[in-house]
Amino acid sequence: MPSRIVEFHGASPLSPESAAMATRRWCPFVDAVCKKSRSGGACVLQAPSSAPVIICPNRLYFDNFAVIRRVADECFEAGYELIVEIDAEKRRRSGTLTGKEVVVFGQGFSGEVGIQAPSSDEGSEGTFKMDFLLATVDGDLKPTSIVAIEVQTIDTTNSYSTASQAYYKGEALYHTPEKDYTPAGFNWENVSKRILPQLIYKGHALRREAKAQNGLYFILPHVVLEKIKVRVGGRLLQYPKGPGTITFHSYQVGPEVEKGARATELVEAFTTTVEQLAFAFVSPQNLPPLGIYEDTVGNRLNALSKRRRLD
């Protein structure tokens, strides 16, 4: 299905705000070079008659990583300060730790942390990364509690580069920006192939951590959450946050505005367990009708038998 770029370098394509950022290949959401400038600088795509879809994680980091602060506010008492590891060590050495610090590892803070993965039968080792880890600490910088956060948007299929190249030149693709549709679509298969398996694995790994009393958080566009629900089928039972839970925070961009970026709104927040998600993933209820494979193959062969010529 085709789509059009509705947000380019942080604003509507060809708007003055977008053009200024596009000239610098800059992302206004994280105040850094756009991570998608090589592939096209798009923040949000929209298919016909569908809601806009956030395709870049940096687009979710609006308002100085407000999504991360929301998680911290849920898990810790009000008044906690988010700091980087270097500042935490400086405070430890100067004796100025207050006990109200949350050390944040991840983009925009202390950088991602690699978690050692178990070795394989062949003896090879590896790591996997959490997008963000939040840790409260004591006076010796020993973790007293840990919260892990995974952030995921959606990968695209085909390319929107033709539109991007036009926008970088200050031109509309078809001289009517509202109709500048591209062949790019959304790789919904990744929900099953990559997103859910990784989420379940990381949720199980985190469940073994005594300090992870709030489980795993998953931040994602709302349309991706809807696709996950369709994939697992049925209803995921809700649970209070605790060890072994996964809390979803889904976001959606608002309507087009005259200037700058669209608003980013929290659409849904709910908590379930790793087991609920894993069981639903391997035992989906929204399966095709019984005999669909036989019928499909039979219909195909039946249609072939009626052809007068076999080329």
Protein backbone atom coordinates (compact mmCIF):
# COMPACT_ATOMS: atom_id res chain seq x y z
CA MET A 1 0.00 0.00 0.00
CA PRO A 2 1.41 3.44 -0.88
CA SER A 3 2.12 6.10 1.70
CA ARG A 4 3.12 9.71 1.85
CA ILE A 5 5.53 11.52 4.14
CA VAL A 6 3.50 13.70 6.49
CA GLU A 7 6.40 14.75 8.70
CA PHE A 8 9.86 15.41 7.26
CA HIS A 9 12.68 16.49 9.55
CA GLY A 10 10.17 17.35 12.25
CA ALA A 11 7.43 19.21 10.36
CA SER A 12 5.19 19.07 7.30
CA PRO A 13 7.27 18.61 4.13
CA LEU A 14 8.26 21.86 2.41
CA SER A 15 7.20 23.97 5.40
CA PRO A 16 9.79 26.57 6.52
CA GLU A 17 10.47 24.58 9.71
CA SER A 18 11.00 21.35 7.80
CA ALA A 19 13.17 23.02 5.16
CA ALA A 20 15.43 24.58 7.80
CA MET A 21 16.03 21.23 9.48
CA ALA A 22 16.34 19.35 6.18
CA THR A 23 19.09 21.69 5.01
CA ARG A 24 21.13 20.66 8.05
CA ARG A 25 19.93 17.02 7.92
CA TRP A 26 18.91 17.68 11.54
CA CYS A 27 16.41 16.05 13.91
CA PRO A 28 14.65 18.59 16.17
CA PHE A 29 13.41 15.89 18.54
CA VAL A 30 16.85 14.83 19.81
CA ASP A 31 18.81 17.88 18.58
CA ALA A 32 21.23 15.75 16.56
CA VAL A 33 21.88 14.61 13.01
CA CYS A 34 18.84 12.79 11.60
CA LYS A 35 19.40 9.04 11.84
CA LYS A 36 17.32 8.55 8.68
CA SER A 37 18.87 11.28 6.55
CA ARG A 38 20.52 8.69 4.29
CA SER A 39 17.27 6.82 3.71
CA GLY A 40 15.11 9.90 3.48
CA GLY A 41 14.61 11.99 6.63
CA ALA A 42 11.00 10.90 7.17
CA CYS A 43 9.55 10.91 10.69
CA VAL A 44 5.95 9.88 9.98
CA LEU A 45 4.28 8.12 7.04
CA GLN A 46 0.58 7.84 6.26
CA ALA A 47 -1.25 5.45 3.97
CA PRO A 48 -4.55 6.47 2.34
CA SER A 49 -7.50 6.42 4.78
CA SER A 50 -5.21 5.39 7.67
CA ALA A 51 -3.74 7.10 10.70
CA PRO A 52 -0.19 8.47 10.50
CA VAL A 53 2.50 6.00 11.59
CA ILE A 54 5.68 7.00 13.42
CA ILE A 55 8.57 5.23 11.68
CA CYS A 56 11.57 6.68 13.54
CA PRO A 57 12.31 6.07 17.25
CA ASN A 58 13.73 9.58 17.55
CA ARG A 59 10.25 10.89 16.75
CA LEU A 60 9.09 9.26 19.99
CA TYR A 61 11.72 11.16 21.98
CA PHE A 62 9.85 14.46 21.74
CA ASP A 63 10.07 17.10 24.48
CA ASN A 64 13.47 16.01 25.79
CA PHE A 65 12.66 12.30 26.11
CA ALA A 66 9.29 12.84 27.77
CA VAL A 67 8.40 9.18 27.19
CA ILE A 68 11.28 8.12 29.43
CA ARG A 69 10.32 10.63 32.12
CA ARG A 70 6.77 9.28 32.09
CA VAL A 71 8.08 5.81 32.91
CA ALA A 72 10.27 7.19 35.69
CA ASP A 73 7.29 9.05 37.17
CA GLU A 74 5.25 5.84 37.17
CA CYS A 75 7.93 3.71 38.78
CA PHE A 76 9.50 6.09 41.28
CA GLU A 77 8.27 8.76 43.63
CA ALA A 78 7.81 12.28 42.38
CA GLY A 79 10.92 14.43 42.53
CA TYR A 80 13.44 11.94 41.16
CA GLU A 81 16.05 13.49 38.90
CA LEU A 82 17.22 11.77 35.72
CA ILE A 83 21.00 11.97 35.43
CA VAL A 84 23.83 10.35 33.48
CA GLU A 85 26.37 8.01 35.03
CA ILE A 86 29.24 10.53 34.99
CA ASP A 87 27.18 13.03 37.01
CA ALA A 88 26.23 10.25 39.42
CA GLU A 89 29.89 9.44 40.01
CA LYS A 90 30.75 13.12 40.45
CA ARG A 91 28.05 13.41 43.09
CA ARG A 92 29.26 10.26 44.83
CA ARG A 93 32.78 11.65 45.05
CA SER A 94 31.60 15.00 46.31
CA GLY A 95 29.11 13.48 48.74
CA THR A 96 26.17 15.28 47.14
CA LEU A 97 23.97 12.32 46.22
CA THR A 98 20.46 12.95 47.52
CA GLY A 99 18.95 9.49 47.05
CA LYS A 100 16.52 11.02 44.54
CA GLU A 101 18.59 10.28 41.44
CA VAL A 102 17.72 7.91 38.61
CA VAL A 103 20.75 7.00 36.50
CA VAL A 104 19.62 6.55 32.90
CA PHE A 105 21.46 4.41 30.36
CA GLY A 106 20.36 4.89 26.77
CA GLN A 107 20.29 7.36 23.91
CA GLY A 108 20.54 10.95 25.06
CA PHE A 109 21.80 9.90 28.49
CA SER A 110 24.63 7.47 29.32
CA GLY A 111 24.47 5.36 26.16
CA GLU A 112 23.04 1.88 25.73
CA VAL A 113 24.11 -1.01 27.93
CA GLY A 114 25.00 -4.39 26.44
CA ILE A 115 23.65 -7.37 28.39
CA GLN A 116 25.79 -10.50 28.21
CA ALA A 117 23.92 -13.30 26.49
CA PRO A 118 24.56 -16.96 27.34
CA SER A 119 27.11 -18.78 25.21
CA SER A 120 25.95 -21.19 22.55
CA ASP A 121 26.88 -24.86 22.30
CA GLU A 122 29.76 -23.81 20.07
CA GLY A 123 31.08 -21.56 22.80
CA SER A 124 30.34 -18.26 21.03
CA GLU A 125 29.12 -15.38 23.15
CA GLY A 126 27.20 -12.23 22.42
CA THR A 127 25.20 -9.41 23.90
CA PHE A 128 21.78 -7.91 23.52
CA LYS A 129 20.90 -4.34 24.30
CA MET A 130 18.06 -2.66 26.10
CA ASP A 131 17.18 0.73 24.67
CA PHE A 132 17.01 2.26 28.14
CA LEU A 133 17.79 1.15 31.68
CA LEU A 134 16.75 3.29 34.64
CA ALA A 135 18.40 2.63 38.00
CA THR A 136 17.98 4.18 41.41
CA VAL A 137 21.19 3.97 43.42
CA ASP A 138 22.43 4.14 46.99
CA GLY A 139 25.30 6.24 48.29
CA ASP A 140 27.87 3.85 46.80
CA LEU A 141 26.13 3.83 43.39
CA LYS A 142 24.83 0.31 43.91
CA PRO A 143 21.52 -0.22 42.07
CA THR A 144 18.53 -0.37 44.39
CA SER A 145 15.94 -0.76 41.63
CA ILE A 146 16.03 -1.20 37.85
CA VAL A 147 13.50 -0.51 35.09
CA ALA A 148 14.11 -1.60 31.51
CA ILE A 149 12.55 0.13 28.50
CA GLU A 150 12.35 -1.12 24.94
CA VAL A 151 11.39 1.34 22.16
CA GLN A 152 10.20 0.20 18.73
CA THR A 153 8.57 1.85 15.74
CA ILE A 154 8.04 -0.04 12.48
CA ASP A 155 10.32 -0.75 9.53
CA THR A 156 9.24 0.19 6.03
CA THR A 157 9.11 -1.74 2.77
CA ASN A 158 10.04 -0.30 -0.62
CA SER A 159 11.30 3.27 -0.69
CA TYR A 160 10.14 6.84 -0.18
CA SER A 161 13.49 8.25 -1.33
CA THR A 162 12.07 9.89 -4.49
CA ALA A 163 9.82 12.10 -2.36
CA SER A 164 12.66 12.78 0.08
CA GLN A 165 14.99 13.86 -2.71
CA ALA A 166 12.34 16.24 -3.99
CA TYR A 167 11.77 17.70 -0.52
CA TYR A 168 15.50 18.21 -0.02
CA LYS A 169 15.42 20.28 -3.22
CA GLY A 170 12.43 22.23 -1.95
CA GLU A 171 10.07 20.68 -4.49
CA ALA A 172 6.86 18.69 -4.29
CA LEU A 173 7.06 15.23 -5.79
CA TYR A 174 3.96 15.67 -7.97
CA HIS A 175 3.50 19.41 -7.42
CA THR A 176 0.67 18.66 -4.98
CA PRO A 177 2.21 17.80 -1.59
CA GLU A 178 -0.98 16.28 -0.19
CA LYS A 179 -0.87 13.68 -2.99
CA ASP A 180 2.85 12.91 -2.91
CA TYR A 181 2.39 9.18 -2.42
CA THR A 182 5.40 6.86 -2.56
CA PRO A 183 5.70 3.06 -2.94
CA ALA A 184 6.77 2.77 0.71
CA GLY A 185 4.69 0.59 3.00
CA PHE A 186 5.01 -0.92 6.47
CA ASN A 187 6.73 -4.18 7.32
CA TRP A 188 4.05 -5.64 9.58
CA GLU A 189 5.65 -9.09 9.31
CA ASN A 190 8.35 -7.82 11.64
CA VAL A 191 5.77 -7.81 14.44
CA SER A 192 5.83 -11.61 14.33
CA LYS A 193 9.36 -12.20 13.14
CA ARG A 194 11.31 -9.79 15.31
CA ILE A 195 9.38 -7.52 17.66
CA LEU A 196 7.38 -10.07 19.65
CA PRO A 197 10.14 -12.70 19.97
CA GLN A 198 12.62 -10.08 21.22
CA LEU A 199 10.11 -8.63 23.64
CA ILE A 200 9.27 -12.04 25.10
CA TYR A 201 12.94 -13.01 25.42
CA LYS A 202 13.94 -9.76 27.12
CA GLY A 203 10.90 -9.92 29.38
CA HIS A 204 11.84 -13.42 30.55
CA ALA A 205 15.47 -12.39 31.09
CA LEU A 206 14.43 -9.35 33.12
CA ARG A 207 12.07 -11.40 35.26
CA ARG A 208 15.08 -13.09 36.87
CA GLU A 209 16.34 -9.74 38.18
CA ALA A 210 15.54 -9.14 41.85
CA LYS A 211 15.82 -5.36 41.43
CA ALA A 212 13.41 -5.24 38.46
CA GLN A 213 10.20 -4.94 40.45
CA ASN A 214 8.38 -2.95 37.75
CA GLY A 215 9.04 -5.33 34.88
CA LEU A 216 9.67 -4.25 31.31
CA TYR A 217 8.24 -1.21 29.53
CA PHE A 218 7.57 -1.17 25.80
CA ILE A 219 7.12 2.19 24.04
CA LEU A 220 5.72 2.04 20.52
CA PRO A 221 3.37 3.71 18.00
CA HIS A 222 -0.27 2.88 18.71
CA VAL A 223 -0.84 1.31 15.30
CA VAL A 224 1.97 -1.17 16.03
CA LEU A 225 0.29 -2.08 19.31
CA GLU A 226 -2.93 -2.69 17.40
CA LYS A 227 -1.07 -5.00 15.01
CA ILE A 228 0.38 -6.89 17.97
CA LYS A 229 -3.10 -7.42 19.38
CA VAL A 230 -4.31 -8.72 16.03
CA ARG A 231 -1.31 -11.04 15.77
CA VAL A 232 -1.75 -12.62 19.20
CA GLY A 233 -5.54 -12.73 18.94
CA GLY A 234 -7.90 -12.53 21.86
CA ARG A 235 -7.48 -10.20 24.81
CA LEU A 236 -4.34 -9.88 26.87
CA LEU A 237 -5.34 -9.93 30.53
CA GLN A 238 -4.25 -6.91 32.53
CA TYR A 239 -2.09 -7.20 35.65
CA PRO A 240 -0.62 -4.77 38.17
CA LYS A 241 3.00 -3.90 37.45
CA GLY A 242 5.49 -6.27 39.02
CA PRO A 243 8.28 -8.73 38.23
CA GLY A 244 7.64 -10.45 34.91
CA THR A 245 5.20 -7.86 33.56
CA ILE A 246 5.30 -5.88 30.33
CA THR A 247 3.77 -2.41 30.32
CA PHE A 248 2.83 -0.97 26.94
CA HIS A 249 2.82 2.78 26.30
CA SER A 250 1.51 3.51 22.80
CA TYR A 251 1.72 6.92 21.13
CA GLN A 252 0.15 8.60 18.12
CA VAL A 253 0.81 11.94 16.43
CA GLY A 254 -2.04 14.42 16.36
CA PRO A 255 -3.59 16.37 13.47
CA GLU A 256 -1.52 18.56 11.20
CA VAL A 257 -0.61 21.94 12.65
CA GLU A 258 0.20 25.22 10.96
CA LYS A 259 3.74 25.36 12.30
CA GLY A 260 6.25 22.82 13.60
CA ALA A 261 5.72 19.24 14.74
CA ARG A 262 2.39 17.63 15.41
CA ALA A 263 1.49 16.86 19.00
CA THR A 264 2.45 13.42 20.31
CA GLU A 265 -0.20 11.83 22.48
CA LEU A 266 -0.24 8.81 24.77
CA VAL A 267 -3.09 6.65 23.45
CA GLU A 268 -2.99 3.53 25.59
CA ALA A 269 -1.16 2.24 28.65
CA PHE A 270 -1.70 -1.24 29.99
CA THR A 271 0.24 -4.00 31.72
CA THR A 272 0.21 -7.74 31.11
CA THR A 273 2.64 -10.56 31.87
CA VAL A 274 5.39 -12.09 29.79
CA GLU A 275 3.58 -15.44 30.03
CA GLN A 276 0.32 -13.94 28.76
CA LEU A 277 2.07 -12.45 25.76
CA ALA A 278 4.17 -15.57 25.06
CA PHE A 279 1.19 -17.93 25.28
CA ALA A 280 -0.92 -15.70 23.05
CA PHE A 281 1.95 -15.50 20.55
CA VAL A 282 2.34 -19.28 20.22
CA SER A 283 -1.39 -20.02 20.56
CA PRO A 284 -3.18 -17.32 18.55
CA GLN A 285 -6.97 -17.49 18.39
CA ASN A 286 -7.50 -15.46 15.22
CA LEU A 287 -6.59 -18.30 12.87
CA PRO A 288 -7.91 -18.78 9.31
CA PRO A 289 -10.91 -21.09 8.82
CA LEU A 290 -10.44 -24.83 9.11
CA GLY A 291 -9.36 -26.32 5.77
CA ILE A 292 -8.23 -23.01 4.28
CA TYR A 293 -4.99 -24.52 2.94
CA GLU A 294 -6.81 -27.39 1.23
CA ASP A 295 -9.43 -25.05 -0.22
CA THR A 296 -6.85 -22.58 -1.49
CA VAL A 297 -4.74 -25.21 -3.21
CA GLY A 298 -7.85 -26.96 -4.55
CA ASN A 299 -9.23 -23.75 -6.01
CA ARG A 300 -5.90 -22.96 -7.63
CA LEU A 301 -5.70 -26.40 -9.24
CA ASN A 302 -9.35 -26.29 -10.25
CA ALA A 303 -8.84 -22.97 -12.01
CA LEU A 304 -5.82 -24.40 -13.80
CA SER A 305 -7.84 -27.40 -15.03
CA LYS A 306 -10.28 -25.04 -16.74
CA ARG A 307 -7.68 -23.17 -18.72
CA ARG A 308 -7.73 -23.98 -22.42
CA ARG A 309 -4.04 -23.38 -22.86
CA LEU A 310 -1.17 -24.09 -20.51
CA ASP A 311 1.60 -21.64 -21.33
